[in-house]
Amino acid sequence: MIKMNCWKFMKCGRQPGGERVDELNVCPASIESRTDGMNSGKMGGRACWAITGTFCDGEVQGEFASKMTGCVHCEFYRIVAHEEGLDYQGAKKILDRLK
């Protein structure tokens, strides 16, 4: 099974070379190398809920504490948790790696 990264699932176009980079800038999740491989993703592509500055619901999101409430209701977040099952790396592990 191919596991999608957030930018592909959300079709935001903010990954390097994406069609909306000139308009919205590169998404921090798409270039966050410290989270590369977490939850089977590329860079922060499957850890976006813990990365500051991602673009969700038409707005740039702030820090983890202020955005996590919305992220737990995100379809992509739920898909990642389901696909990873027991191997799911949650916010604490992601944030520890981002320190």
PDB file of N, CA and C in Angstrom:
ATOM      1  N   MET A   1       0.832  -1.173   0.000  1.00  0.00           N
ATOM      2  CA  MET A   1       0.000   0.000   0.000  1.00  0.00           C
ATOM      3  C   MET A   1       0.884   1.247   0.000  1.00  0.00           C
ATOM      4  N   ILE A   2       0.581   2.188  -0.869  1.00  0.00           N
ATOM      5  CA  ILE A   2       1.295   3.451  -0.912  1.00  0.00           C
ATOM      6  C   ILE A   2       0.693   4.383   0.123  1.00  0.00           C
ATOM      7  N   LYS A   3       1.541   4.916   0.975  1.00  0.00           N
ATOM      8  CA  LYS A   3       1.095   5.835   2.023  1.00  0.00           C
ATOM      9  C   LYS A   3       1.389   7.258   1.571  1.00  0.00           C
ATOM     10  N   MET A   4       0.340   8.063   1.502  1.00  0.00           N
ATOM     11  CA  MET A   4       0.474   9.432   1.019  1.00  0.00           C
ATOM     12  C   MET A   4       1.031  10.368   2.076  1.00  0.00           C
ATOM     13  N   ASN A   5       1.744  11.363   1.604  1.00  0.00           N
ATOM     14  CA  ASN A   5       2.151  12.471   2.440  1.00  0.00           C
ATOM     15  C   ASN A   5       1.037  13.510   2.414  1.00  0.00           C
ATOM     16  N   CYS A   6       1.053  14.401   3.401  1.00  0.00           N
ATOM     17  CA  CYS A   6      -0.041  15.366   3.556  1.00  0.00           C
ATOM     18  C   CYS A   6      -0.244  16.226   2.321  1.00  0.00           C
ATOM     19  N   TRP A   7       0.818  16.701   1.688  1.00  0.00           N
ATOM     20  CA  TRP A   7       0.654  17.599   0.553  1.00  0.00           C
ATOM     21  C   TRP A   7      -0.021  16.936  -0.627  1.00  0.00           C
ATOM     22  N   LYS A   8       0.173  15.641  -0.773  1.00  0.00           N
ATOM     23  CA  LYS A   8      -0.518  14.927  -1.846  1.00  0.00           C
ATOM     24  C   LYS A   8      -1.982  14.699  -1.478  1.00  0.00           C
ATOM     25  N   PHE A   9      -2.228  14.279  -0.253  1.00  0.00           N
ATOM     26  CA  PHE A   9      -3.591  14.030   0.203  1.00  0.00           C
ATOM     27  C   PHE A   9      -4.422  15.314   0.191  1.00  0.00           C
ATOM     28  N   MET A  10      -3.835  16.404   0.702  1.00  0.00           N
ATOM     29  CA  MET A  10      -4.556  17.674   0.814  1.00  0.00           C
ATOM     30  C   MET A  10      -4.556  18.478  -0.488  1.00  0.00           C
ATOM     31  N   LYS A  11      -3.695  18.082  -1.423  1.00  0.00           N
ATOM     32  CA  LYS A  11      -3.577  18.765  -2.714  1.00  0.00           C
ATOM     33  C   LYS A  11      -3.322  20.267  -2.540  1.00  0.00           C
ATOM     34  N   CYS A  12      -2.415  20.599  -1.617  1.00  0.00           N
ATOM     35  CA  CYS A  12      -2.140  22.009  -1.323  1.00  0.00           C
ATOM     36  C   CYS A  12      -1.143  22.639  -2.288  1.00  0.00           C
ATOM     37  N   GLY A  13      -0.295  21.837  -2.915  1.00  0.00           N
ATOM     38  CA  GLY A  13       0.680  22.369  -3.858  1.00  0.00           C
ATOM     39  C   GLY A  13       1.821  23.134  -3.213  1.00  0.00           C
ATOM     40  N   ARG A  14       2.065  22.921  -1.922  1.00  0.00           N
ATOM     41  CA  ARG A  14       3.112  23.660  -1.212  1.00  0.00           C
ATOM     42  C   ARG A  14       4.404  22.869  -1.028  1.00  0.00           C
ATOM     43  N   GLN A  15       4.513  21.670  -1.591  1.00  0.00           N
ATOM     44  CA  GLN A  15       5.746  20.904  -1.525  1.00  0.00           C
ATOM     45  C   GLN A  15       6.753  21.529  -2.498  1.00  0.00           C
ATOM     46  N   PRO A  16       8.068  21.310  -2.299  1.00  0.00           N
ATOM     47  CA  PRO A  16       9.049  21.861  -3.233  1.00  0.00           C
ATOM     48  C   PRO A  16       8.678  21.517  -4.680  1.00  0.00           C
ATOM     49  N   GLY A  17       8.619  22.523  -5.514  1.00  0.00           N
ATOM     50  CA  GLY A  17       8.224  22.346  -6.905  1.00  0.00           C
ATOM     51  C   GLY A  17       6.725  22.338  -7.118  1.00  0.00           C
ATOM     52  N   GLY A  18       5.950  22.490  -6.044  1.00  0.00           N
ATOM     53  CA  GLY A  18       4.488  22.467  -6.135  1.00  0.00           C
ATOM     54  C   GLY A  18       3.929  23.690  -6.841  1.00  0.00           C
ATOM     55  N   GLU A  19       2.722  23.535  -7.367  1.00  0.00           N
ATOM     56  CA  GLU A  19       2.110  24.577  -8.185  1.00  0.00           C
ATOM     57  C   GLU A  19       1.673  25.818  -7.403  1.00  0.00           C
ATOM     58  N   ARG A  20       1.653  25.765  -6.078  1.00  0.00           N
ATOM     59  CA  ARG A  20       1.218  26.932  -5.298  1.00  0.00           C
ATOM     60  C   ARG A  20       2.321  27.531  -4.424  1.00  0.00           C
ATOM     61  N   VAL A  21       3.556  27.087  -4.635  1.00  0.00           N
ATOM     62  CA  VAL A  21       4.680  27.581  -3.829  1.00  0.00           C
ATOM     63  C   VAL A  21       4.865  29.088  -4.009  1.00  0.00           C
ATOM     64  N   ASP A  22       4.763  29.590  -5.230  1.00  0.00           N
ATOM     65  CA  ASP A  22       4.940  31.029  -5.467  1.00  0.00           C
ATOM     66  C   ASP A  22       3.898  31.847  -4.718  1.00  0.00           C
ATOM     67  N   GLU A  23       2.710  31.312  -4.616  1.00  0.00           N
ATOM     68  CA  GLU A  23       1.596  32.014  -3.958  1.00  0.00           C
ATOM     69  C   GLU A  23       1.611  31.842  -2.442  1.00  0.00           C
ATOM     70  N   LEU A  24       1.883  30.614  -1.955  1.00  0.00           N
ATOM     71  CA  LEU A  24       1.724  30.293  -0.535  1.00  0.00           C
ATOM     72  C   LEU A  24       3.018  29.910   0.184  1.00  0.00           C
ATOM     73  N   ASN A  25       4.127  29.854  -0.522  1.00  0.00           N
ATOM     74  CA  ASN A  25       5.428  29.434   0.014  1.00  0.00           C
ATOM     75  C   ASN A  25       5.474  27.920   0.238  1.00  0.00           C
ATOM     76  N   VAL A  26       6.672  27.422   0.461  1.00  0.00           N
ATOM     77  CA  VAL A  26       6.877  25.991   0.706  1.00  0.00           C
ATOM     78  C   VAL A  26       6.393  25.672   2.116  1.00  0.00           C
ATOM     79  N   CYS A  27       5.666  24.589   2.244  1.00  0.00           N
ATOM     80  CA  CYS A  27       5.161  24.155   3.550  1.00  0.00           C
ATOM     81  C   CYS A  27       6.309  23.598   4.388  1.00  0.00           C
ATOM     82  N   PRO A  28       6.398  24.018   5.649  1.00  0.00           N
ATOM     83  CA  PRO A  28       7.451  23.496   6.520  1.00  0.00           C
ATOM     84  C   PRO A  28       7.437  21.969   6.651  1.00  0.00           C
ATOM     85  N   ALA A  29       6.273  21.351   6.580  1.00  0.00           N
ATOM     86  CA  ALA A  29       6.211  19.884   6.694  1.00  0.00           C
ATOM     87  C   ALA A  29       6.927  19.211   5.528  1.00  0.00           C
ATOM     88  N   SER A  30       6.907  19.829   4.366  1.00  0.00           N
ATOM     89  CA  SER A  30       7.507  19.206   3.186  1.00  0.00           C
ATOM     90  C   SER A  30       9.029  19.290   3.161  1.00  0.00           C
ATOM     91  N   ILE A  31       9.611  20.063   4.077  1.00  0.00           N
ATOM     92  CA  ILE A  31      11.074  20.201   4.109  1.00  0.00           C
ATOM     93  C   ILE A  31      11.669  19.896   5.486  1.00  0.00           C
ATOM     94  N   GLU A  32      10.851  19.434   6.421  1.00  0.00           N
ATOM     95  CA  GLU A  32      11.312  19.169   7.792  1.00  0.00           C
ATOM     96  C   GLU A  32      12.041  17.835   7.860  1.00  0.00           C
ATOM     97  N   SER A  33      13.360  17.891   7.707  1.00  0.00           N
ATOM     98  CA  SER A  33      14.161  16.668   7.622  1.00  0.00           C
ATOM     99  C   SER A  33      14.239  15.899   8.936  1.00  0.00           C
ATOM    100  N   ARG A  34      14.040  16.558  10.070  1.00  0.00           N
ATOM    101  CA  ARG A  34      14.128  15.845  11.353  1.00  0.00           C
ATOM    102  C   ARG A  34      13.010  14.819  11.516  1.00  0.00           C
ATOM    103  N   THR A  35      11.936  14.954  10.767  1.00  0.00           N
ATOM    104  CA  THR A  35      10.826  14.008  10.873  1.00  0.00           C
ATOM    105  C   THR A  35      10.765  13.059   9.672  1.00  0.00           C
ATOM    106  N   ASP A  36      11.797  13.082   8.862  1.00  0.00           N
ATOM    107  CA  ASP A  36      11.823  12.200   7.694  1.00  0.00           C
ATOM    108  C   ASP A  36      11.699  10.744   8.129  1.00  0.00           C
ATOM    109  N   GLY A  37      10.768  10.044   7.528  1.00  0.00           N
ATOM    110  CA  GLY A  37      10.553   8.629   7.822  1.00  0.00           C
ATOM    111  C   GLY A  37       9.537   8.368   8.922  1.00  0.00           C
ATOM    112  N   MET A  38       9.193   9.373   9.697  1.00  0.00           N
ATOM    113  CA  MET A  38       8.215   9.147  10.768  1.00  0.00           C
ATOM    114  C   MET A  38       6.852   8.828  10.155  1.00  0.00           C
ATOM    115  N   ASN A  39       6.196   7.839  10.697  1.00  0.00           N
ATOM    116  CA  ASN A  39       4.904   7.364  10.199  1.00  0.00           C
ATOM    117  C   ASN A  39       4.959   7.033   8.706  1.00  0.00           C
ATOM    118  N   SER A  40       6.120   6.561   8.254  1.00  0.00           N
ATOM    119  CA  SER A  40       6.340   6.138   6.866  1.00  0.00           C
ATOM    120  C   SER A  40       6.253   7.286   5.875  1.00  0.00           C
ATOM    121  N   GLY A  41       6.535   8.497   6.319  1.00  0.00           N
ATOM    122  CA  GLY A  41       6.415   9.658   5.448  1.00  0.00           C
ATOM    123  C   GLY A  41       7.737  10.220   4.978  1.00  0.00           C
ATOM    124  N   LYS A  42       7.634  11.079   3.977  1.00  0.00           N
ATOM    125  CA  LYS A  42       8.777  11.821   3.467  1.00  0.00           C
ATOM    126  C   LYS A  42       8.829  13.149   4.205  1.00  0.00           C
ATOM    127  N   MET A  43       9.989  13.493   4.733  1.00  0.00           N
ATOM    128  CA  MET A  43      10.163  14.706   5.540  1.00  0.00           C
ATOM    129  C   MET A  43       9.075  14.721   6.621  1.00  0.00           C
ATOM    130  N   GLY A  44       8.273  15.765   6.721  1.00  0.00           N
ATOM    131  CA  GLY A  44       7.211  15.815   7.721  1.00  0.00           C
ATOM    132  C   GLY A  44       5.851  15.503   7.140  1.00  0.00           C
ATOM    133  N   GLY A  45       5.836  14.803   6.027  1.00  0.00           N
ATOM    134  CA  GLY A  45       4.593  14.557   5.299  1.00  0.00           C
ATOM    135  C   GLY A  45       3.570  13.699   6.007  1.00  0.00           C
ATOM    136  N   ARG A  46       3.979  12.999   7.066  1.00  0.00           N
ATOM    137  CA  ARG A  46       3.030  12.211   7.854  1.00  0.00           C
ATOM    138  C   ARG A  46       3.213  12.515   9.336  1.00  0.00           C
ATOM    139  N   ALA A  47       3.651  13.765   9.586  1.00  0.00           N
ATOM    140  CA  ALA A  47       3.823  14.280  10.948  1.00  0.00           C
ATOM    141  C   ALA A  47       3.408  15.750  10.996  1.00  0.00           C
ATOM    142  N   CYS A  48       2.645  16.185  10.028  1.00  0.00           N
ATOM    143  CA  CYS A  48       2.325  17.602   9.824  1.00  0.00           C
ATOM    144  C   CYS A  48       1.624  18.245  11.017  1.00  0.00           C
ATOM    145  N   TRP A  49       0.862  17.471  11.778  1.00  0.00           N
ATOM    146  CA  TRP A  49       0.105  18.028  12.900  1.00  0.00           C
ATOM    147  C   TRP A  49       1.003  18.580  14.001  1.00  0.00           C
ATOM    148  N   ALA A  50       2.262  18.176  14.031  1.00  0.00           N
ATOM    149  CA  ALA A  50       3.175  18.655  15.069  1.00  0.00           C
ATOM    150  C   ALA A  50       4.156  19.708  14.541  1.00  0.00           C
ATOM    151  N   ILE A  51       3.995  20.100  13.284  1.00  0.00           N
ATOM    152  CA  ILE A  51       4.930  21.038  12.659  1.00  0.00           C
ATOM    153  C   ILE A  51       4.266  22.400  12.486  1.00  0.00           C
ATOM    154  N   THR A  52       4.904  23.420  13.022  1.00  0.00           N
ATOM    155  CA  THR A  52       4.405  24.791  12.941  1.00  0.00           C
ATOM    156  C   THR A  52       4.437  25.291  11.500  1.00  0.00           C
ATOM    157  N   GLY A  53       3.393  26.012  11.109  1.00  0.00           N
ATOM    158  CA  GLY A  53       3.372  26.677   9.817  1.00  0.00           C
ATOM    159  C   GLY A  53       2.758  25.903   8.674  1.00  0.00           C
ATOM    160  N   THR A  54       2.138  24.766   8.963  1.00  0.00           N
ATOM    161  CA  THR A  54       1.461  24.031   7.893  1.00  0.00           C
ATOM    162  C   THR A  54       0.213  24.798   7.485  1.00  0.00           C
ATOM    163  N   PHE A  55      -0.351  24.452   6.348  1.00  0.00           N
ATOM    164  CA  PHE A  55      -1.474  25.173   5.766  1.00  0.00           C
ATOM    165  C   PHE A  55      -2.697  24.271   5.762  1.00  0.00           C
ATOM    166  N   CYS A  56      -3.678  24.594   6.593  1.00  0.00           N
ATOM    167  CA  CYS A  56      -4.873  23.766   6.694  1.00  0.00           C
ATOM    168  C   CYS A  56      -6.115  24.651   6.678  1.00  0.00           C
ATOM    169  N   ASP A  57      -7.142  24.181   6.042  1.00  0.00           N
ATOM    170  CA  ASP A  57      -8.409  24.915   5.979  1.00  0.00           C
ATOM    171  C   ASP A  57      -8.220  26.343   5.496  1.00  0.00           C
ATOM    172  N   GLY A  58      -7.307  26.537   4.543  1.00  0.00           N
ATOM    173  CA  GLY A  58      -7.112  27.842   3.953  1.00  0.00           C
ATOM    174  C   GLY A  58      -6.296  28.818   4.770  1.00  0.00           C
ATOM    175  N   GLU A  59      -5.686  28.363   5.875  1.00  0.00           N
ATOM    176  CA  GLU A  59      -4.909  29.250   6.726  1.00  0.00           C
ATOM    177  C   GLU A  59      -3.617  28.589   7.177  1.00  0.00           C
ATOM    178  N   VAL A  60      -2.585  29.415   7.321  1.00  0.00           N
ATOM    179  CA  VAL A  60      -1.341  28.921   7.899  1.00  0.00           C
ATOM    180  C   VAL A  60      -1.595  28.681   9.376  1.00  0.00           C
ATOM    181  N   GLN A  61      -1.189  27.522   9.857  1.00  0.00           N
ATOM    182  CA  GLN A  61      -1.420  27.130  11.238  1.00  0.00           C
ATOM    183  C   GLN A  61      -0.239  27.501  12.120  1.00  0.00           C
ATOM    184  N   GLY A  62      -0.503  27.738  13.373  1.00  0.00           N
ATOM    185  CA  GLY A  62       0.534  28.128  14.334  1.00  0.00           C
ATOM    186  C   GLY A  62       1.235  26.944  14.956  1.00  0.00           C
ATOM    187  N   GLU A  63       1.644  27.142  16.183  1.00  0.00           N
ATOM    188  CA  GLU A  63       2.385  26.115  16.904  1.00  0.00           C
ATOM    189  C   GLU A  63       1.490  24.951  17.282  1.00  0.00           C
ATOM    190  N   PHE A  64       2.124  23.853  17.629  1.00  0.00           N
ATOM    191  CA  PHE A  64       1.430  22.607  17.946  1.00  0.00           C
ATOM    192  C   PHE A  64       0.285  22.803  18.932  1.00  0.00           C
ATOM    193  N   ALA A  65       0.534  23.485  20.034  1.00  0.00           N
ATOM    194  CA  ALA A  65      -0.472  23.631  21.089  1.00  0.00           C
ATOM    195  C   ALA A  65      -1.741  24.299  20.578  1.00  0.00           C
ATOM    196  N   SER A  66      -1.611  25.215  19.654  1.00  0.00           N
ATOM    197  CA  SER A  66      -2.788  25.935  19.169  1.00  0.00           C
ATOM    198  C   SER A  66      -3.486  25.235  18.011  1.00  0.00           C
ATOM    199  N   LYS A  67      -2.819  24.309  17.353  1.00  0.00           N
ATOM    200  CA  LYS A  67      -3.435  23.679  16.186  1.00  0.00           C
ATOM    201  C   LYS A  67      -3.872  22.231  16.392  1.00  0.00           C
ATOM    202  N   MET A  68      -3.388  21.572  17.416  1.00  0.00           N
ATOM    203  CA  MET A  68      -3.642  20.144  17.583  1.00  0.00           C
ATOM    204  C   MET A  68      -5.120  19.814  17.728  1.00  0.00           C
ATOM    205  N   THR A  69      -5.874  20.685  18.354  1.00  0.00           N
ATOM    206  CA  THR A  69      -7.310  20.430  18.509  1.00  0.00           C
ATOM    207  C   THR A  69      -7.976  20.224  17.158  1.00  0.00           C
ATOM    208  N   GLY A  70      -7.614  21.043  16.189  1.00  0.00           N
ATOM    209  CA  GLY A  70      -8.164  20.887  14.848  1.00  0.00           C
ATOM    210  C   GLY A  70      -7.613  19.679  14.126  1.00  0.00           C
ATOM    211  N   CYS A  71      -6.345  19.392  14.345  1.00  0.00           N
ATOM    212  CA  CYS A  71      -5.695  18.284  13.644  1.00  0.00           C
ATOM    213  C   CYS A  71      -6.310  16.929  13.986  1.00  0.00           C
ATOM    214  N   VAL A  72      -6.717  16.734  15.225  1.00  0.00           N
ATOM    215  CA  VAL A  72      -7.277  15.429  15.588  1.00  0.00           C
ATOM    216  C   VAL A  72      -8.591  15.151  14.870  1.00  0.00           C
ATOM    217  N   HIS A  73      -9.202  16.174  14.307  1.00  0.00           N
ATOM    218  CA  HIS A  73     -10.441  15.996  13.534  1.00  0.00           C
ATOM    219  C   HIS A  73     -10.169  15.895  12.035  1.00  0.00           C
ATOM    220  N   CYS A  74      -8.904  16.032  11.645  1.00  0.00           N
ATOM    221  CA  CYS A  74      -8.515  16.003  10.233  1.00  0.00           C
ATOM    222  C   CYS A  74      -8.559  14.569   9.703  1.00  0.00           C
ATOM    223  N   GLU A  75      -9.141  14.408   8.530  1.00  0.00           N
ATOM    224  CA  GLU A  75      -9.230  13.078   7.922  1.00  0.00           C
ATOM    225  C   GLU A  75      -7.846  12.485   7.670  1.00  0.00           C
ATOM    226  N   PHE A  76      -6.908  13.297   7.229  1.00  0.00           N
ATOM    227  CA  PHE A  76      -5.560  12.801   6.968  1.00  0.00           C
ATOM    228  C   PHE A  76      -4.899  12.288   8.243  1.00  0.00           C
ATOM    229  N   TYR A  77      -5.017  13.025   9.311  1.00  0.00           N
ATOM    230  CA  TYR A  77      -4.464  12.614  10.607  1.00  0.00           C
ATOM    231  C   TYR A  77      -5.019  11.245  11.006  1.00  0.00           C
ATOM    232  N   ARG A  78      -6.324  11.065  10.878  1.00  0.00           N
ATOM    233  CA  ARG A  78      -6.954   9.791  11.253  1.00  0.00           C
ATOM    234  C   ARG A  78      -6.491   8.655  10.346  1.00  0.00           C
ATOM    235  N   ILE A  79      -6.302   8.945   9.056  1.00  0.00           N
ATOM    236  CA  ILE A  79      -5.825   7.927   8.117  1.00  0.00           C
ATOM    237  C   ILE A  79      -4.418   7.470   8.498  1.00  0.00           C
ATOM    238  N   VAL A  80      -3.544   8.435   8.805  1.00  0.00           N
ATOM    239  CA  VAL A  80      -2.168   8.082   9.183  1.00  0.00           C
ATOM    240  C   VAL A  80      -2.181   7.198  10.429  1.00  0.00           C
ATOM    241  N   ALA A  81      -2.922   7.604  11.440  1.00  0.00           N
ATOM    242  CA  ALA A  81      -2.990   6.817  12.679  1.00  0.00           C
ATOM    243  C   ALA A  81      -3.492   5.405  12.394  1.00  0.00           C
ATOM    244  N   HIS A  82      -4.503   5.280  11.558  1.00  0.00           N
ATOM    245  CA  HIS A  82      -5.056   3.969  11.208  1.00  0.00           C
ATOM    246  C   HIS A  82      -4.042   3.141  10.409  1.00  0.00           C
ATOM    247  N   GLU A  83      -3.431   3.748   9.380  1.00  0.00           N
ATOM    248  CA  GLU A  83      -2.490   3.010   8.544  1.00  0.00           C
ATOM    249  C   GLU A  83      -1.260   2.540   9.332  1.00  0.00           C
ATOM    250  N   GLU A  84      -0.802   3.347  10.260  1.00  0.00           N
ATOM    251  CA  GLU A  84       0.396   2.992  11.023  1.00  0.00           C
ATOM    252  C   GLU A  84       0.092   2.004  12.141  1.00  0.00           C
ATOM    253  N   GLY A  85      -1.125   2.006  12.632  1.00  0.00           N
ATOM    254  CA  GLY A  85      -1.512   1.064  13.677  1.00  0.00           C
ATOM    255  C   GLY A  85      -0.600   1.149  14.890  1.00  0.00           C
ATOM    256  N   LEU A  86      -0.057   0.023  15.320  1.00  0.00           N
ATOM    257  CA  LEU A  86       0.812  -0.014  16.500  1.00  0.00           C
ATOM    258  C   LEU A  86       2.128   0.732  16.289  1.00  0.00           C
ATOM    259  N   ASP A  87       2.490   0.984  15.045  1.00  0.00           N
ATOM    260  CA  ASP A  87       3.732   1.703  14.743  1.00  0.00           C
ATOM    261  C   ASP A  87       3.535   3.221  14.681  1.00  0.00           C
ATOM    262  N   TYR A  88       2.309   3.675  14.903  1.00  0.00           N
ATOM    263  CA  TYR A  88       2.005   5.114  14.845  1.00  0.00           C
ATOM    264  C   TYR A  88       2.885   5.898  15.810  1.00  0.00           C
ATOM    265  N   GLN A  89       3.501   6.936  15.309  1.00  0.00           N
ATOM    266  CA  GLN A  89       4.327   7.825  16.122  1.00  0.00           C
ATOM    267  C   GLN A  89       3.546   9.114  16.335  1.00  0.00           C
ATOM    268  N   GLY A  90       3.083   9.304  17.540  1.00  0.00           N
ATOM    269  CA  GLY A  90       2.237  10.437  17.872  1.00  0.00           C
ATOM    270  C   GLY A  90       2.997  11.719  18.107  1.00  0.00           C
ATOM    271  N   ALA A  91       2.253  12.722  18.531  1.00  0.00           N
ATOM    272  CA  ALA A  91       2.789  14.065  18.689  1.00  0.00           C
ATOM    273  C   ALA A  91       3.990  14.120  19.625  1.00  0.00           C
ATOM    274  N   LYS A  92       3.962  13.391  20.719  1.00  0.00           N
ATOM    275  CA  LYS A  92       5.080  13.455  21.664  1.00  0.00           C
ATOM    276  C   LYS A  92       6.382  13.010  21.012  1.00  0.00           C
ATOM    277  N   LYS A  93       6.356  11.907  20.294  1.00  0.00           N
ATOM    278  CA  LYS A  93       7.572  11.429  19.624  1.00  0.00           C
ATOM    279  C   LYS A  93       8.032  12.417  18.554  1.00  0.00           C
ATOM    280  N   ILE A  94       7.084  12.976  17.828  1.00  0.00           N
ATOM    281  CA  ILE A  94       7.431  13.934  16.775  1.00  0.00           C
ATOM    282  C   ILE A  94       8.044  15.172  17.402  1.00  0.00           C
ATOM    283  N   LEU A  95       7.399  15.719  18.429  1.00  0.00           N
ATOM    284  CA  LEU A  95       7.915  16.914  19.092  1.00  0.00           C
ATOM    285  C   LEU A  95       9.280  16.665  19.719  1.00  0.00           C
ATOM    286  N   ASP A  96       9.490  15.484  20.280  1.00  0.00           N
ATOM    287  CA  ASP A  96      10.808  15.156  20.841  1.00  0.00           C
ATOM    288  C   ASP A  96      11.881  15.205  19.754  1.00  0.00           C
ATOM    289  N   ARG A  97      11.538  14.733  18.570  1.00  0.00           N
ATOM    290  CA  ARG A  97      12.502  14.746  17.478  1.00  0.00           C
ATOM    291  C   ARG A  97      12.739  16.168  16.959  1.00  0.00           C
ATOM    292  N   LEU A  98      11.751  17.022  17.094  1.00  0.00           N
ATOM    293  CA  LEU A  98      11.883  18.402  16.620  1.00  0.00           C
ATOM    294  C   LEU A  98      12.665  19.301  17.582  1.00  0.00           C
ATOM    295  N   LYS A  99      12.923  18.821  18.783  1.00  0.00           N
ATOM    296  CA  LYS A  99      13.659  19.632  19.781  1.00  0.00           C
ATOM    297  C   LYS A  99      15.082  19.882  19.361  1.00  0.00           C
TER     298      LYS A  99
END
